[in-house]
Amino acid sequence: MLDHITEEIRAIRHTLAEQCDNDIGRIFDRLQKLAASSGRNYVSLPMRPVSEKNVADQEGPLHPSSGSVHKK
């Protein structure tokens, strides 16, 4: 079953990535500029703490460059 909304979002995401040469930094910058120029008010929520249970439930070691914390 195809979800037309999901397909439209994916098409927009792929177009944005192509326009920014798949550079995540450029994509982020463009999205920030679009948000700032939209005239809408955006809410920034504080980060939620990571519970010990969630860390313990992850499978296998995490790659050091992922930015995630892995306790031994």
PDB file of N, CA and C in Angstrom:
ATOM      1  N   MET A   1       0.840  -1.174   0.000  1.00  0.00           N
ATOM      2  CA  MET A   1       0.000   0.000   0.000  1.00  0.00           C
ATOM      3  C   MET A   1       0.893   1.248   0.000  1.00  0.00           C
ATOM      4  N   LEU A   2       0.654   2.135  -0.912  1.00  0.00           N
ATOM      5  CA  LEU A   2       1.425   3.372  -1.005  1.00  0.00           C
ATOM      6  C   LEU A   2       0.749   4.470  -0.199  1.00  0.00           C
ATOM      7  N   ASP A   3       1.548   5.196   0.523  1.00  0.00           N
ATOM      8  CA  ASP A   3       1.069   6.352   1.272  1.00  0.00           C
ATOM      9  C   ASP A   3       1.545   7.579   0.513  1.00  0.00           C
ATOM     10  N   HIS A   4       0.611   8.306  -0.078  1.00  0.00           N
ATOM     11  CA  HIS A   4       0.970   9.434  -0.936  1.00  0.00           C
ATOM     12  C   HIS A   4       1.668  10.557  -0.170  1.00  0.00           C
ATOM     13  N   ILE A   5       1.297  10.758   1.085  1.00  0.00           N
ATOM     14  CA  ILE A   5       1.942  11.795   1.889  1.00  0.00           C
ATOM     15  C   ILE A   5       3.399  11.427   2.147  1.00  0.00           C
ATOM     16  N   THR A   6       3.644  10.173   2.513  1.00  0.00           N
ATOM     17  CA  THR A   6       5.012   9.714   2.744  1.00  0.00           C
ATOM     18  C   THR A   6       5.841   9.823   1.473  1.00  0.00           C
ATOM     19  N   GLU A   7       5.268   9.460   0.353  1.00  0.00           N
ATOM     20  CA  GLU A   7       5.985   9.552  -0.921  1.00  0.00           C
ATOM     21  C   GLU A   7       6.325  10.996  -1.259  1.00  0.00           C
ATOM     22  N   GLU A   8       5.420  11.916  -0.979  1.00  0.00           N
ATOM     23  CA  GLU A   8       5.677  13.331  -1.244  1.00  0.00           C
ATOM     24  C   GLU A   8       6.797  13.849  -0.350  1.00  0.00           C
ATOM     25  N   ILE A   9       6.782  13.466   0.917  1.00  0.00           N
ATOM     26  CA  ILE A   9       7.840  13.887   1.846  1.00  0.00           C
ATOM     27  C   ILE A   9       9.184  13.341   1.398  1.00  0.00           C
ATOM     28  N   ARG A  10       9.218  12.082   0.981  1.00  0.00           N
ATOM     29  CA  ARG A  10      10.474  11.488   0.496  1.00  0.00           C
ATOM     30  C   ARG A  10      10.982  12.208  -0.745  1.00  0.00           C
ATOM     31  N   ALA A  11      10.089  12.575  -1.648  1.00  0.00           N
ATOM     32  CA  ALA A  11      10.499  13.287  -2.863  1.00  0.00           C
ATOM     33  C   ALA A  11      11.099  14.648  -2.509  1.00  0.00           C
ATOM     34  N   ILE A  12      10.475  15.348  -1.563  1.00  0.00           N
ATOM     35  CA  ILE A  12      11.005  16.644  -1.126  1.00  0.00           C
ATOM     36  C   ILE A  12      12.365  16.460  -0.481  1.00  0.00           C
ATOM     37  N   ARG A  13      12.495  15.439   0.362  1.00  0.00           N
ATOM     38  CA  ARG A  13      13.768  15.173   1.043  1.00  0.00           C
ATOM     39  C   ARG A  13      14.875  14.867   0.031  1.00  0.00           C
ATOM     40  N   HIS A  14      14.563  14.063  -0.972  1.00  0.00           N
ATOM     41  CA  HIS A  14      15.570  13.722  -1.982  1.00  0.00           C
ATOM     42  C   HIS A  14      15.954  14.935  -2.827  1.00  0.00           C
ATOM     43  N   THR A  15      14.977  15.770  -3.155  1.00  0.00           N
ATOM     44  CA  THR A  15      15.263  16.988  -3.919  1.00  0.00           C
ATOM     45  C   THR A  15      16.166  17.925  -3.119  1.00  0.00           C
ATOM     46  N   LEU A  16      15.852  18.108  -1.836  1.00  0.00           N
ATOM     47  CA  LEU A  16      16.671  18.966  -0.973  1.00  0.00           C
ATOM     48  C   LEU A  16      18.092  18.418  -0.871  1.00  0.00           C
ATOM     49  N   ALA A  17      18.230  17.115  -0.711  1.00  0.00           N
ATOM     50  CA  ALA A  17      19.555  16.505  -0.618  1.00  0.00           C
ATOM     51  C   ALA A  17      20.343  16.716  -1.907  1.00  0.00           C
ATOM     52  N   GLU A  18      19.690  16.554  -3.054  1.00  0.00           N
ATOM     53  CA  GLU A  18      20.364  16.766  -4.342  1.00  0.00           C
ATOM     54  C   GLU A  18      20.816  18.218  -4.485  1.00  0.00           C
ATOM     55  N   GLN A  19      19.970  19.159  -4.093  1.00  0.00           N
ATOM     56  CA  GLN A  19      20.300  20.579  -4.206  1.00  0.00           C
ATOM     57  C   GLN A  19      21.487  20.954  -3.323  1.00  0.00           C
ATOM     58  N   CYS A  20      21.676  20.225  -2.246  1.00  0.00           N
ATOM     59  CA  CYS A  20      22.764  20.509  -1.297  1.00  0.00           C
ATOM     60  C   CYS A  20      23.913  19.517  -1.443  1.00  0.00           C
ATOM     61  N   ASP A  21      23.977  18.809  -2.554  1.00  0.00           N
ATOM     62  CA  ASP A  21      25.028  17.821  -2.828  1.00  0.00           C
ATOM     63  C   ASP A  21      25.166  16.802  -1.697  1.00  0.00           C
ATOM     64  N   ASN A  22      24.031  16.411  -1.105  1.00  0.00           N
ATOM     65  CA  ASN A  22      24.003  15.424  -0.014  1.00  0.00           C
ATOM     66  C   ASN A  22      24.909  15.801   1.153  1.00  0.00           C
ATOM     67  N   ASP A  23      25.125  17.096   1.344  1.00  0.00           N
ATOM     68  CA  ASP A  23      25.952  17.599   2.448  1.00  0.00           C
ATOM     69  C   ASP A  23      25.028  17.949   3.607  1.00  0.00           C
ATOM     70  N   ILE A  24      25.094  17.180   4.691  1.00  0.00           N
ATOM     71  CA  ILE A  24      24.179  17.361   5.811  1.00  0.00           C
ATOM     72  C   ILE A  24      24.290  18.755   6.421  1.00  0.00           C
ATOM     73  N   GLY A  25      25.472  19.331   6.432  1.00  0.00           N
ATOM     74  CA  GLY A  25      25.653  20.685   6.953  1.00  0.00           C
ATOM     75  C   GLY A  25      24.908  21.708   6.116  1.00  0.00           C
ATOM     76  N   ARG A  26      25.007  21.576   4.792  1.00  0.00           N
ATOM     77  CA  ARG A  26      24.295  22.498   3.897  1.00  0.00           C
ATOM     78  C   ARG A  26      22.791  22.308   3.986  1.00  0.00           C
ATOM     79  N   ILE A  27      22.346  21.049   4.137  1.00  0.00           N
ATOM     80  CA  ILE A  27      20.912  20.781   4.296  1.00  0.00           C
ATOM     81  C   ILE A  27      20.404  21.449   5.568  1.00  0.00           C
ATOM     82  N   PHE A  28      21.134  21.286   6.660  1.00  0.00           N
ATOM     83  CA  PHE A  28      20.750  21.880   7.939  1.00  0.00           C
ATOM     84  C   PHE A  28      20.694  23.399   7.832  1.00  0.00           C
ATOM     85  N   ASP A  29      21.709  24.013   7.214  1.00  0.00           N
ATOM     86  CA  ASP A  29      21.730  25.467   7.043  1.00  0.00           C
ATOM     87  C   ASP A  29      20.522  25.942   6.232  1.00  0.00           C
ATOM     88  N   ARG A  30      20.214  25.231   5.152  1.00  0.00           N
ATOM     89  CA  ARG A  30      19.084  25.622   4.313  1.00  0.00           C
ATOM     90  C   ARG A  30      17.773  25.518   5.086  1.00  0.00           C
ATOM     91  N   LEU A  31      17.609  24.449   5.851  1.00  0.00           N
ATOM     92  CA  LEU A  31      16.378  24.284   6.624  1.00  0.00           C
ATOM     93  C   LEU A  31      16.246  25.363   7.696  1.00  0.00           C
ATOM     94  N   GLN A  32      17.368  25.755   8.315  1.00  0.00           N
ATOM     95  CA  GLN A  32      17.323  26.830   9.309  1.00  0.00           C
ATOM     96  C   GLN A  32      16.919  28.149   8.652  1.00  0.00           C
ATOM     97  N   LYS A  33      17.452  28.431   7.464  1.00  0.00           N
ATOM     98  CA  LYS A  33      17.103  29.667   6.757  1.00  0.00           C
ATOM     99  C   LYS A  33      15.630  29.654   6.357  1.00  0.00           C
ATOM    100  N   LEU A  34      15.134  28.506   5.893  1.00  0.00           N
ATOM    101  CA  LEU A  34      13.715  28.409   5.533  1.00  0.00           C
ATOM    102  C   LEU A  34      12.821  28.621   6.752  1.00  0.00           C
ATOM    103  N   ALA A  35      13.214  28.043   7.879  1.00  0.00           N
ATOM    104  CA  ALA A  35      12.429  28.209   9.103  1.00  0.00           C
ATOM    105  C   ALA A  35      12.423  29.666   9.553  1.00  0.00           C
ATOM    106  N   ALA A  36      13.573  30.328   9.468  1.00  0.00           N
ATOM    107  CA  ALA A  36      13.682  31.724   9.905  1.00  0.00           C
ATOM    108  C   ALA A  36      12.864  32.654   9.013  1.00  0.00           C
ATOM    109  N   SER A  37      12.791  32.351   7.734  1.00  0.00           N
ATOM    110  CA  SER A  37      12.079  33.225   6.805  1.00  0.00           C
ATOM    111  C   SER A  37      10.595  32.887   6.672  1.00  0.00           C
ATOM    112  N   SER A  38      10.137  31.838   7.340  1.00  0.00           N
ATOM    113  CA  SER A  38       8.752  31.404   7.184  1.00  0.00           C
ATOM    114  C   SER A  38       7.757  32.286   7.931  1.00  0.00           C
ATOM    115  N   GLY A  39       8.235  33.008   8.957  1.00  0.00           N
ATOM    116  CA  GLY A  39       7.335  33.831   9.749  1.00  0.00           C
ATOM    117  C   GLY A  39       6.608  33.060  10.834  1.00  0.00           C
ATOM    118  N   ARG A  40       6.889  31.776  10.959  1.00  0.00           N
ATOM    119  CA  ARG A  40       6.249  30.958  11.983  1.00  0.00           C
ATOM    120  C   ARG A  40       7.090  30.960  13.245  1.00  0.00           C
ATOM    121  N   ASN A  41       6.447  30.673  14.367  1.00  0.00           N
ATOM    122  CA  ASN A  41       7.151  30.536  15.636  1.00  0.00           C
ATOM    123  C   ASN A  41       7.443  29.063  15.876  1.00  0.00           C
ATOM    124  N   TYR A  42       8.700  28.739  16.126  1.00  0.00           N
ATOM    125  CA  TYR A  42       9.110  27.367  16.386  1.00  0.00           C
ATOM    126  C   TYR A  42       9.504  27.235  17.846  1.00  0.00           C
ATOM    127  N   VAL A  43       9.230  26.085  18.409  1.00  0.00           N
ATOM    128  CA  VAL A  43       9.530  25.810  19.805  1.00  0.00           C
ATOM    129  C   VAL A  43      10.701  24.853  19.866  1.00  0.00           C
ATOM    130  N   SER A  44      11.689  25.181  20.703  1.00  0.00           N
ATOM    131  CA  SER A  44      12.819  24.283  20.928  1.00  0.00           C
ATOM    132  C   SER A  44      12.645  23.643  22.300  1.00  0.00           C
ATOM    133  N   LEU A  45      12.573  22.337  22.319  1.00  0.00           N
ATOM    134  CA  LEU A  45      12.415  21.612  23.564  1.00  0.00           C
ATOM    135  C   LEU A  45      13.774  21.164  24.075  1.00  0.00           C
ATOM    136  N   PRO A  46      13.929  21.088  25.406  1.00  0.00           N
ATOM    137  CA  PRO A  46      15.200  20.604  25.946  1.00  0.00           C
ATOM    138  C   PRO A  46      15.378  19.121  25.610  1.00  0.00           C
ATOM    139  N   MET A  47      16.628  18.698  25.547  1.00  0.00           N
ATOM    140  CA  MET A  47      16.904  17.289  25.271  1.00  0.00           C
ATOM    141  C   MET A  47      16.414  16.434  26.425  1.00  0.00           C
ATOM    142  N   ARG A  48      15.870  15.280  26.091  1.00  0.00           N
ATOM    143  CA  ARG A  48      15.429  14.342  27.118  1.00  0.00           C
ATOM    144  C   ARG A  48      16.629  13.536  27.590  1.00  0.00           C
ATOM    145  N   PRO A  49      16.715  13.273  28.885  1.00  0.00           N
ATOM    146  CA  PRO A  49      17.834  12.466  29.370  1.00  0.00           C
ATOM    147  C   PRO A  49      17.721  11.022  28.881  1.00  0.00           C
ATOM    148  N   VAL A  50      18.857  10.403  28.665  1.00  0.00           N
ATOM    149  CA  VAL A  50      18.897   9.006  28.241  1.00  0.00           C
ATOM    150  C   VAL A  50      18.855   8.146  29.490  1.00  0.00           C
ATOM    151  N   SER A  51      17.902   7.230  29.528  1.00  0.00           N
ATOM    152  CA  SER A  51      17.812   6.367  30.699  1.00  0.00           C
ATOM    153  C   SER A  51      18.816   5.224  30.577  1.00  0.00           C
ATOM    154  N   GLU A  52      19.252   4.712  31.698  1.00  0.00           N
ATOM    155  CA  GLU A  52      20.205   3.592  31.706  1.00  0.00           C
ATOM    156  C   GLU A  52      19.610   2.373  31.016  1.00  0.00           C
ATOM    157  N   LYS A  53      18.303   2.175  31.147  1.00  0.00           N
ATOM    158  CA  LYS A  53      17.642   1.029  30.518  1.00  0.00           C
ATOM    159  C   LYS A  53      17.772   1.104  28.999  1.00  0.00           C
ATOM    160  N   ASN A  54      17.547   2.289  28.418  1.00  0.00           N
ATOM    161  CA  ASN A  54      17.651   2.440  26.971  1.00  0.00           C
ATOM    162  C   ASN A  54      19.064   2.193  26.475  1.00  0.00           C
ATOM    163  N   VAL A  55      20.058   2.610  27.231  1.00  0.00           N
ATOM    164  CA  VAL A  55      21.449   2.392  26.851  1.00  0.00           C
ATOM    165  C   VAL A  55      21.755   0.902  26.894  1.00  0.00           C
ATOM    166  N   ALA A  56      21.270   0.223  27.923  1.00  0.00           N
ATOM    167  CA  ALA A  56      21.540  -1.208  28.083  1.00  0.00           C
ATOM    168  C   ALA A  56      20.814  -2.039  27.030  1.00  0.00           C
ATOM    169  N   ASP A  57      19.696  -1.546  26.503  1.00  0.00           N
ATOM    170  CA  ASP A  57      18.916  -2.301  25.523  1.00  0.00           C
ATOM    171  C   ASP A  57      19.520  -2.263  24.122  1.00  0.00           C
ATOM    172  N   GLN A  58      20.447  -1.362  23.862  1.00  0.00           N
ATOM    173  CA  GLN A  58      21.018  -1.258  22.519  1.00  0.00           C
ATOM    174  C   GLN A  58      21.886  -2.468  22.224  1.00  0.00           C
ATOM    175  N   GLU A  59      21.798  -2.924  20.987  1.00  0.00           N
ATOM    176  CA  GLU A  59      22.557  -4.105  20.591  1.00  0.00           C
ATOM    177  C   GLU A  59      23.945  -3.716  20.104  1.00  0.00           C
ATOM    178  N   GLY A  60      24.954  -4.387  20.603  1.00  0.00           N
ATOM    179  CA  GLY A  60      26.318  -4.214  20.127  1.00  0.00           C
ATOM    180  C   GLY A  60      26.925  -2.880  20.508  1.00  0.00           C
ATOM    181  N   PRO A  61      28.233  -2.750  20.291  1.00  0.00           N
ATOM    182  CA  PRO A  61      28.926  -1.499  20.603  1.00  0.00           C
ATOM    183  C   PRO A  61      28.563  -0.416  19.601  1.00  0.00           C
ATOM    184  N   LEU A  62      28.570   0.812  20.064  1.00  0.00           N
ATOM    185  CA  LEU A  62      28.303   1.940  19.192  1.00  0.00           C
ATOM    186  C   LEU A  62      29.600   2.442  18.594  1.00  0.00           C
ATOM    187  N   HIS A  63      29.525   2.927  17.388  1.00  0.00           N
ATOM    188  CA  HIS A  63      30.705   3.475  16.714  1.00  0.00           C
ATOM    189  C   HIS A  63      31.071   4.786  17.382  1.00  0.00           C
ATOM    190  N   PRO A  64      32.348   5.022  17.690  1.00  0.00           N
ATOM    191  CA  PRO A  64      32.751   6.247  18.407  1.00  0.00           C
ATOM    192  C   PRO A  64      32.361   7.525  17.691  1.00  0.00           C
ATOM    193  N   SER A  65      32.301   7.516  16.362  1.00  0.00           N
ATOM    194  CA  SER A  65      31.987   8.752  15.643  1.00  0.00           C
ATOM    195  C   SER A  65      30.496   9.030  15.590  1.00  0.00           C
ATOM    196  N   SER A  66      29.668   8.148  16.130  1.00  0.00           N
ATOM    197  CA  SER A  66      28.220   8.361  16.058  1.00  0.00           C
ATOM    198  C   SER A  66      27.763   9.443  17.004  1.00  0.00           C
ATOM    199  N   GLY A  67      28.614   9.808  17.988  1.00  0.00           N
ATOM    200  CA  GLY A  67      28.235  10.843  18.932  1.00  0.00           C
ATOM    201  C   GLY A  67      27.398  10.318  20.083  1.00  0.00           C
ATOM    202  N   SER A  68      27.103   9.046  20.071  1.00  0.00           N
ATOM    203  CA  SER A  68      26.300   8.447  21.143  1.00  0.00           C
ATOM    204  C   SER A  68      27.199   7.975  22.271  1.00  0.00           C
ATOM    205  N   VAL A  69      26.633   7.913  23.443  1.00  0.00           N
ATOM    206  CA  VAL A  69      27.375   7.478  24.613  1.00  0.00           C
ATOM    207  C   VAL A  69      27.121   6.002  24.829  1.00  0.00           C
ATOM    208  N   HIS A  70      28.178   5.244  25.057  1.00  0.00           N
ATOM    209  CA  HIS A  70      28.039   3.810  25.317  1.00  0.00           C
ATOM    210  C   HIS A  70      28.793   3.497  26.594  1.00  0.00           C
ATOM    211  N   LYS A  71      28.053   3.084  27.624  1.00  0.00           N
ATOM    212  CA  LYS A  71      28.685   2.751  28.892  1.00  0.00           C
ATOM    213  C   LYS A  71      29.020   1.276  28.930  1.00  0.00           C
ATOM    214  N   LYS A  72      30.149   0.950  29.533  1.00  0.00           N
ATOM    215  CA  LYS A  72      30.558  -0.452  29.658  1.00  0.00           C
ATOM    216  C   LYS A  72      30.261  -0.962  31.023  1.00  0.00           C
TER     217      LYS A  72
END
